[in-house]
N, C-alpha and C. Protein backbone atom coordinates (compact mmCIF):
# COMPACT_ATOMS: atom_id res chain seq x y z
N MET A 1 10.08 -10.16 8.31
CA MET A 1 9.71 -9.11 7.39
C MET A 1 10.44 -9.21 6.06
N PRO A 2 11.65 -9.73 6.01
CA PRO A 2 12.30 -9.86 4.71
C PRO A 2 11.49 -10.71 3.74
N HIS A 3 10.78 -11.72 4.27
CA HIS A 3 9.93 -12.56 3.41
C HIS A 3 8.85 -11.71 2.73
N PHE A 4 8.17 -10.87 3.53
CA PHE A 4 7.12 -10.01 2.97
C PHE A 4 7.70 -9.03 1.97
N ILE A 5 8.83 -8.45 2.27
CA ILE A 5 9.43 -7.47 1.36
C ILE A 5 9.76 -8.13 0.03
N GLY A 6 10.34 -9.33 0.06
CA GLY A 6 10.63 -10.04 -1.18
C GLY A 6 9.37 -10.38 -1.96
N GLU A 7 8.36 -10.87 -1.25
CA GLU A 7 7.10 -11.23 -1.88
C GLU A 7 6.43 -10.00 -2.51
N LEU A 8 6.41 -8.89 -1.77
CA LEU A 8 5.76 -7.68 -2.27
C LEU A 8 6.56 -7.01 -3.38
N ASN A 9 7.88 -7.09 -3.32
CA ASN A 9 8.71 -6.59 -4.42
C ASN A 9 8.31 -7.28 -5.72
N ALA A 10 8.18 -8.60 -5.66
CA ALA A 10 7.80 -9.37 -6.85
C ALA A 10 6.39 -9.01 -7.31
N ALA A 11 5.46 -8.86 -6.37
CA ALA A 11 4.07 -8.57 -6.72
C ALA A 11 3.90 -7.18 -7.32
N PHE A 12 4.65 -6.21 -6.80
CA PHE A 12 4.47 -4.82 -7.22
C PHE A 12 5.52 -4.34 -8.21
N GLY A 13 6.47 -5.19 -8.56
CA GLY A 13 7.53 -4.76 -9.48
C GLY A 13 8.44 -3.72 -8.85
N LYS A 14 8.68 -3.85 -7.57
CA LYS A 14 9.52 -2.90 -6.83
C LYS A 14 10.84 -3.56 -6.49
N SER A 15 11.75 -2.77 -5.90
CA SER A 15 13.05 -3.33 -5.48
C SER A 15 13.48 -2.73 -4.15
N PHE A 16 12.60 -2.83 -3.16
CA PHE A 16 12.95 -2.36 -1.82
C PHE A 16 13.99 -3.29 -1.23
N ALA A 17 15.01 -2.69 -0.60
CA ALA A 17 16.07 -3.47 0.03
C ALA A 17 15.74 -3.78 1.49
N GLY A 18 14.82 -3.04 2.07
CA GLY A 18 14.47 -3.28 3.47
C GLY A 18 13.76 -2.09 4.08
N ILE A 19 13.90 -1.99 5.39
CA ILE A 19 13.22 -0.97 6.18
C ILE A 19 14.29 -0.16 6.91
N CYS A 20 14.18 1.18 6.85
CA CYS A 20 15.16 2.00 7.56
C CYS A 20 15.01 1.79 9.08
N LYS A 21 16.06 2.10 9.82
CA LYS A 21 16.07 1.86 11.27
C LYS A 21 14.93 2.55 11.99
N ASP A 22 14.66 3.82 11.67
CA ASP A 22 13.58 4.54 12.34
C ASP A 22 12.21 3.88 12.09
N ALA A 23 11.98 3.46 10.86
CA ALA A 23 10.72 2.79 10.53
C ALA A 23 10.62 1.45 11.26
N MET A 24 11.73 0.74 11.34
CA MET A 24 11.74 -0.53 12.06
C MET A 24 11.41 -0.31 13.54
N ASP A 25 11.96 0.77 14.12
CA ASP A 25 11.67 1.08 15.52
C ASP A 25 10.17 1.33 15.72
N VAL A 26 9.54 2.04 14.76
CA VAL A 26 8.11 2.31 14.84
C VAL A 26 7.33 0.99 14.80
N LEU A 27 7.72 0.10 13.89
CA LEU A 27 7.03 -1.18 13.77
C LEU A 27 7.19 -2.03 15.03
N VAL A 28 8.38 -2.02 15.61
CA VAL A 28 8.64 -2.80 16.82
C VAL A 28 7.83 -2.25 17.99
N ASP A 29 7.71 -0.91 18.09
CA ASP A 29 7.00 -0.28 19.20
C ASP A 29 5.48 -0.31 19.04
N TYR A 30 4.98 -0.60 17.85
CA TYR A 30 3.55 -0.59 17.59
C TYR A 30 2.87 -1.73 18.35
N SER A 31 1.66 -1.51 18.87
CA SER A 31 0.99 -2.50 19.72
C SER A 31 0.37 -3.66 18.93
N TRP A 32 0.25 -3.60 17.64
CA TRP A 32 -0.25 -4.66 16.77
C TRP A 32 -1.54 -5.31 17.26
N PRO A 33 -2.66 -4.59 17.16
CA PRO A 33 -3.92 -5.19 17.55
C PRO A 33 -4.38 -6.29 16.58
N GLY A 34 -3.82 -6.27 15.38
CA GLY A 34 -4.18 -7.30 14.39
C GLY A 34 -3.21 -8.46 14.44
N ASN A 35 -2.95 -9.04 13.29
CA ASN A 35 -2.07 -10.19 13.23
C ASN A 35 -1.00 -9.97 12.16
N VAL A 36 -0.38 -11.03 11.73
CA VAL A 36 0.68 -10.94 10.72
C VAL A 36 0.13 -10.38 9.41
N ARG A 37 -1.13 -10.66 9.13
CA ARG A 37 -1.75 -10.12 7.92
C ARG A 37 -1.77 -8.59 7.97
N GLU A 38 -1.99 -8.01 9.14
CA GLU A 38 -1.97 -6.56 9.30
C GLU A 38 -0.58 -6.02 8.97
N LEU A 39 0.46 -6.68 9.46
CA LEU A 39 1.83 -6.26 9.15
C LEU A 39 2.07 -6.30 7.66
N ARG A 40 1.66 -7.38 7.01
CA ARG A 40 1.86 -7.50 5.56
C ARG A 40 1.14 -6.38 4.82
N ASN A 41 -0.10 -6.07 5.23
CA ASN A 41 -0.86 -5.02 4.56
C ASN A 41 -0.23 -3.64 4.77
N ILE A 42 0.29 -3.39 5.95
CA ILE A 42 0.95 -2.11 6.21
C ILE A 42 2.22 -1.99 5.37
N LEU A 43 2.97 -3.08 5.27
CA LEU A 43 4.17 -3.07 4.42
C LEU A 43 3.80 -2.89 2.95
N ALA A 44 2.71 -3.53 2.52
CA ALA A 44 2.27 -3.40 1.13
C ALA A 44 1.92 -1.96 0.81
N LYS A 45 1.17 -1.31 1.68
CA LYS A 45 0.82 0.10 1.45
C LYS A 45 2.07 0.97 1.42
N ALA A 46 2.98 0.72 2.34
CA ALA A 46 4.21 1.50 2.39
C ALA A 46 5.01 1.33 1.10
N MET A 47 5.06 0.11 0.58
CA MET A 47 5.83 -0.14 -0.63
C MET A 47 5.14 0.39 -1.87
N LEU A 48 3.81 0.38 -1.89
CA LEU A 48 3.09 0.94 -3.03
C LEU A 48 3.23 2.46 -3.10
N LEU A 49 3.25 3.09 -1.95
CA LEU A 49 3.25 4.55 -1.93
C LEU A 49 4.61 5.16 -1.65
N GLY A 50 5.55 4.38 -1.15
CA GLY A 50 6.86 4.90 -0.77
C GLY A 50 7.87 4.87 -1.90
N ASP A 51 9.03 5.43 -1.61
CA ASP A 51 10.13 5.46 -2.57
C ASP A 51 11.19 4.46 -2.15
N GLU A 52 11.74 3.77 -3.13
CA GLU A 52 12.80 2.81 -2.88
C GLU A 52 14.08 3.56 -2.53
N PRO A 53 15.08 3.01 -1.93
CA PRO A 53 15.27 1.58 -1.70
C PRO A 53 14.81 1.10 -0.34
N TYR A 54 14.45 2.00 0.60
CA TYR A 54 14.05 1.57 1.94
C TYR A 54 12.70 2.15 2.33
N ILE A 55 11.91 1.37 3.04
CA ILE A 55 10.66 1.86 3.62
C ILE A 55 11.04 2.85 4.72
N GLN A 56 10.43 4.04 4.67
CA GLN A 56 10.70 5.10 5.63
C GLN A 56 9.56 5.21 6.63
N THR A 57 9.80 5.87 7.73
CA THR A 57 8.78 6.05 8.77
C THR A 57 7.52 6.69 8.20
N GLY A 58 7.67 7.70 7.35
CA GLY A 58 6.53 8.39 6.77
C GLY A 58 5.69 7.53 5.84
N ASP A 59 6.25 6.40 5.38
CA ASP A 59 5.51 5.49 4.50
C ASP A 59 4.56 4.58 5.28
N LEU A 60 4.76 4.48 6.59
CA LEU A 60 3.97 3.57 7.42
C LEU A 60 2.66 4.26 7.82
N LEU A 61 1.58 3.77 7.30
CA LEU A 61 0.27 4.37 7.57
C LEU A 61 -0.37 3.66 8.75
N LEU A 62 0.09 4.02 9.94
CA LEU A 62 -0.40 3.37 11.16
C LEU A 62 -1.43 4.20 11.91
N GLU A 63 -1.65 5.44 11.54
CA GLU A 63 -2.54 6.32 12.30
C GLU A 63 -3.93 5.77 12.53
N PRO A 64 -4.61 5.20 11.51
CA PRO A 64 -5.96 4.69 11.80
C PRO A 64 -5.95 3.59 12.86
N PHE A 65 -4.88 2.82 12.90
CA PHE A 65 -4.80 1.73 13.87
C PHE A 65 -4.44 2.28 15.24
N ALA A 66 -3.50 3.21 15.29
CA ALA A 66 -3.05 3.75 16.56
C ALA A 66 -4.15 4.56 17.25
N ALA A 67 -5.03 5.19 16.47
CA ALA A 67 -6.08 6.02 17.05
C ALA A 67 -7.10 5.19 17.81
N SER A 68 -7.31 3.96 17.39
CA SER A 68 -8.30 3.12 18.04
C SER A 68 -7.82 1.67 18.08
N PRO A 69 -6.89 1.36 18.97
CA PRO A 69 -6.33 0.02 18.97
C PRO A 69 -7.34 -1.07 19.31
N MET A 70 -8.43 -0.73 19.96
CA MET A 70 -9.42 -1.74 20.33
C MET A 70 -10.30 -2.13 19.14
N ALA A 71 -10.45 -1.23 18.17
CA ALA A 71 -11.30 -1.51 17.01
C ALA A 71 -10.61 -1.01 15.74
N PRO A 72 -9.55 -1.67 15.30
CA PRO A 72 -8.83 -1.18 14.12
C PRO A 72 -9.66 -1.35 12.86
N GLN A 73 -9.43 -0.45 11.90
CA GLN A 73 -10.07 -0.58 10.61
C GLN A 73 -9.35 -1.68 9.85
N PRO A 74 -10.05 -2.39 8.99
CA PRO A 74 -9.37 -3.42 8.22
C PRO A 74 -8.35 -2.77 7.29
N PRO A 75 -7.18 -3.39 7.11
CA PRO A 75 -6.17 -2.82 6.22
C PRO A 75 -6.68 -2.79 4.78
N LEU A 76 -6.17 -1.85 4.01
CA LEU A 76 -6.57 -1.74 2.62
C LEU A 76 -5.98 -2.89 1.81
N SER A 77 -6.79 -3.40 0.90
CA SER A 77 -6.30 -4.41 -0.02
C SER A 77 -5.56 -3.70 -1.15
N GLU A 78 -4.85 -4.47 -1.97
CA GLU A 78 -4.16 -3.87 -3.13
C GLU A 78 -5.17 -3.15 -4.02
N ARG A 79 -6.36 -3.75 -4.19
CA ARG A 79 -7.41 -3.13 -5.01
C ARG A 79 -7.82 -1.78 -4.43
N GLU A 80 -8.02 -1.74 -3.11
CA GLU A 80 -8.43 -0.50 -2.46
C GLU A 80 -7.35 0.58 -2.56
N VAL A 81 -6.09 0.18 -2.47
CA VAL A 81 -4.99 1.15 -2.60
C VAL A 81 -5.00 1.74 -4.01
N ILE A 82 -5.24 0.90 -5.01
CA ILE A 82 -5.29 1.38 -6.40
C ILE A 82 -6.47 2.33 -6.59
N VAL A 83 -7.64 1.95 -6.09
CA VAL A 83 -8.83 2.80 -6.22
C VAL A 83 -8.60 4.13 -5.50
N GLN A 84 -8.00 4.09 -4.31
CA GLN A 84 -7.72 5.31 -3.56
C GLN A 84 -6.79 6.23 -4.35
N ALA A 85 -5.74 5.67 -4.93
CA ALA A 85 -4.81 6.48 -5.72
C ALA A 85 -5.52 7.08 -6.93
N LEU A 86 -6.36 6.30 -7.60
CA LEU A 86 -7.11 6.81 -8.75
C LEU A 86 -8.05 7.93 -8.33
N GLN A 87 -8.74 7.76 -7.20
CA GLN A 87 -9.65 8.81 -6.72
C GLN A 87 -8.88 10.09 -6.41
N GLU A 88 -7.73 9.94 -5.73
CA GLU A 88 -6.94 11.12 -5.37
C GLU A 88 -6.40 11.83 -6.60
N CYS A 89 -6.24 11.09 -7.71
CA CYS A 89 -5.72 11.67 -8.95
C CYS A 89 -6.84 11.93 -9.96
N ARG A 90 -8.08 11.95 -9.48
CA ARG A 90 -9.26 12.19 -10.32
C ARG A 90 -9.30 11.25 -11.51
N TRP A 91 -8.95 10.01 -11.27
CA TRP A 91 -8.98 8.92 -12.24
C TRP A 91 -8.02 9.13 -13.41
N ASN A 92 -7.00 9.95 -13.21
CA ASN A 92 -5.94 10.09 -14.20
C ASN A 92 -4.96 8.94 -13.97
N GLN A 93 -4.95 7.99 -14.89
CA GLN A 93 -4.16 6.78 -14.71
C GLN A 93 -2.66 7.05 -14.68
N SER A 94 -2.21 7.98 -15.49
CA SER A 94 -0.77 8.29 -15.50
C SER A 94 -0.33 8.85 -14.15
N LEU A 95 -1.11 9.78 -13.60
CA LEU A 95 -0.77 10.35 -12.29
C LEU A 95 -0.88 9.30 -11.18
N ALA A 96 -1.91 8.47 -11.24
CA ALA A 96 -2.09 7.43 -10.21
C ALA A 96 -0.93 6.43 -10.26
N ALA A 97 -0.52 6.05 -11.46
CA ALA A 97 0.61 5.13 -11.59
C ALA A 97 1.88 5.75 -11.02
N GLN A 98 2.07 7.03 -11.30
CA GLN A 98 3.25 7.73 -10.76
C GLN A 98 3.17 7.77 -9.23
N LYS A 99 2.01 8.05 -8.69
CA LYS A 99 1.83 8.09 -7.23
C LYS A 99 2.12 6.73 -6.60
N LEU A 100 1.72 5.66 -7.28
CA LEU A 100 1.94 4.32 -6.77
C LEU A 100 3.35 3.81 -7.05
N GLY A 101 4.09 4.52 -7.89
CA GLY A 101 5.45 4.11 -8.20
C GLY A 101 5.52 2.92 -9.14
N ILE A 102 4.51 2.81 -10.00
CA ILE A 102 4.49 1.73 -10.98
C ILE A 102 4.29 2.31 -12.36
N HIS A 103 4.56 1.52 -13.39
CA HIS A 103 4.36 1.95 -14.77
C HIS A 103 2.86 1.99 -15.06
N ARG A 104 2.45 2.87 -15.94
CA ARG A 104 1.03 3.00 -16.28
C ARG A 104 0.46 1.69 -16.81
N ASN A 105 1.23 0.95 -17.60
CA ASN A 105 0.74 -0.33 -18.12
C ASN A 105 0.52 -1.33 -16.99
N THR A 106 1.38 -1.29 -15.97
CA THR A 106 1.20 -2.17 -14.81
C THR A 106 -0.09 -1.81 -14.09
N LEU A 107 -0.34 -0.51 -13.94
CA LEU A 107 -1.58 -0.07 -13.30
C LEU A 107 -2.78 -0.56 -14.10
N ARG A 108 -2.74 -0.40 -15.42
CA ARG A 108 -3.86 -0.83 -16.25
C ARG A 108 -4.10 -2.34 -16.13
N MET A 109 -3.01 -3.14 -16.07
CA MET A 109 -3.17 -4.59 -15.91
C MET A 109 -3.81 -4.92 -14.57
N ARG A 110 -3.40 -4.22 -13.52
CA ARG A 110 -3.98 -4.48 -12.20
C ARG A 110 -5.43 -4.01 -12.13
N MET A 111 -5.73 -2.90 -12.79
CA MET A 111 -7.11 -2.43 -12.84
C MET A 111 -7.99 -3.48 -13.52
N GLU A 112 -7.49 -4.05 -14.61
CA GLU A 112 -8.24 -5.08 -15.31
C GLU A 112 -8.41 -6.32 -14.43
N ARG A 113 -7.34 -6.72 -13.73
CA ARG A 113 -7.40 -7.89 -12.86
C ARG A 113 -8.44 -7.71 -11.77
N PHE A 114 -8.55 -6.48 -11.22
CA PHE A 114 -9.47 -6.23 -10.11
C PHE A 114 -10.83 -5.69 -10.57
N GLY A 115 -11.04 -5.61 -11.87
CA GLY A 115 -12.32 -5.14 -12.38
C GLY A 115 -12.59 -3.67 -12.12
N ILE A 116 -11.54 -2.86 -12.18
CA ILE A 116 -11.67 -1.43 -11.95
C ILE A 116 -11.77 -0.74 -13.30
N SER A 117 -12.88 -0.03 -13.51
CA SER A 117 -13.09 0.70 -14.75
C SER A 117 -12.15 1.89 -14.82
N GLY A 118 -11.70 2.23 -15.99
CA GLY A 118 -10.76 3.34 -16.14
C GLY A 118 -11.40 4.71 -16.14
N SER A 119 -12.72 4.78 -16.21
CA SER A 119 -13.35 6.09 -16.36
C SER A 119 -14.25 6.50 -15.20
N ARG A 120 -14.60 5.57 -14.33
CA ARG A 120 -15.48 5.91 -13.22
C ARG A 120 -15.18 5.00 -12.02
N PRO A 121 -15.61 5.42 -10.85
CA PRO A 121 -15.37 4.59 -9.66
C PRO A 121 -16.05 3.24 -9.78
N PRO A 122 -15.41 2.17 -9.30
CA PRO A 122 -16.03 0.85 -9.36
C PRO A 122 -17.19 0.75 -8.38
N ALA A 123 -18.11 -0.13 -8.66
CA ALA A 123 -19.23 -0.36 -7.76
C ALA A 123 -18.73 -0.83 -6.42
N GLY A 124 -19.33 -0.31 -5.36
CA GLY A 124 -18.95 -0.75 -4.04
C GLY A 124 -17.82 0.02 -3.43
N SER A 125 -17.25 1.01 -4.16
CA SER A 125 -16.19 1.80 -3.55
C SER A 125 -16.81 3.03 -2.93
N ARG A 126 -16.24 3.48 -1.88
CA ARG A 126 -16.72 4.63 -1.11
C ARG A 126 -17.86 5.26 -1.76
């Protein structure tokens, strides 16, 4: 997991030092119906939405997976996390950036990279 945390810190401009003990216990006890990619995606969501310096238990969004371990939903991509934050903030980029824990300019660069319009939902989203 330290590899993913370092990689995601660089990708998201974050500085997480690791995972708190309680959160680590949750991850260890989880049945993991997916693979290593699922772990990376769960850590990515936790780091995008959580507060530094450590990933906390509440940052781990495992409920959709735990509710149906036989048919898990695919993990959200970075693009989907950004779109979700924008939707929850009614497309207010400043609020969405704050929610994601990134600078507004970083959000705008990622929106441009993923082809997300600043004024309306992108095609193909919910």
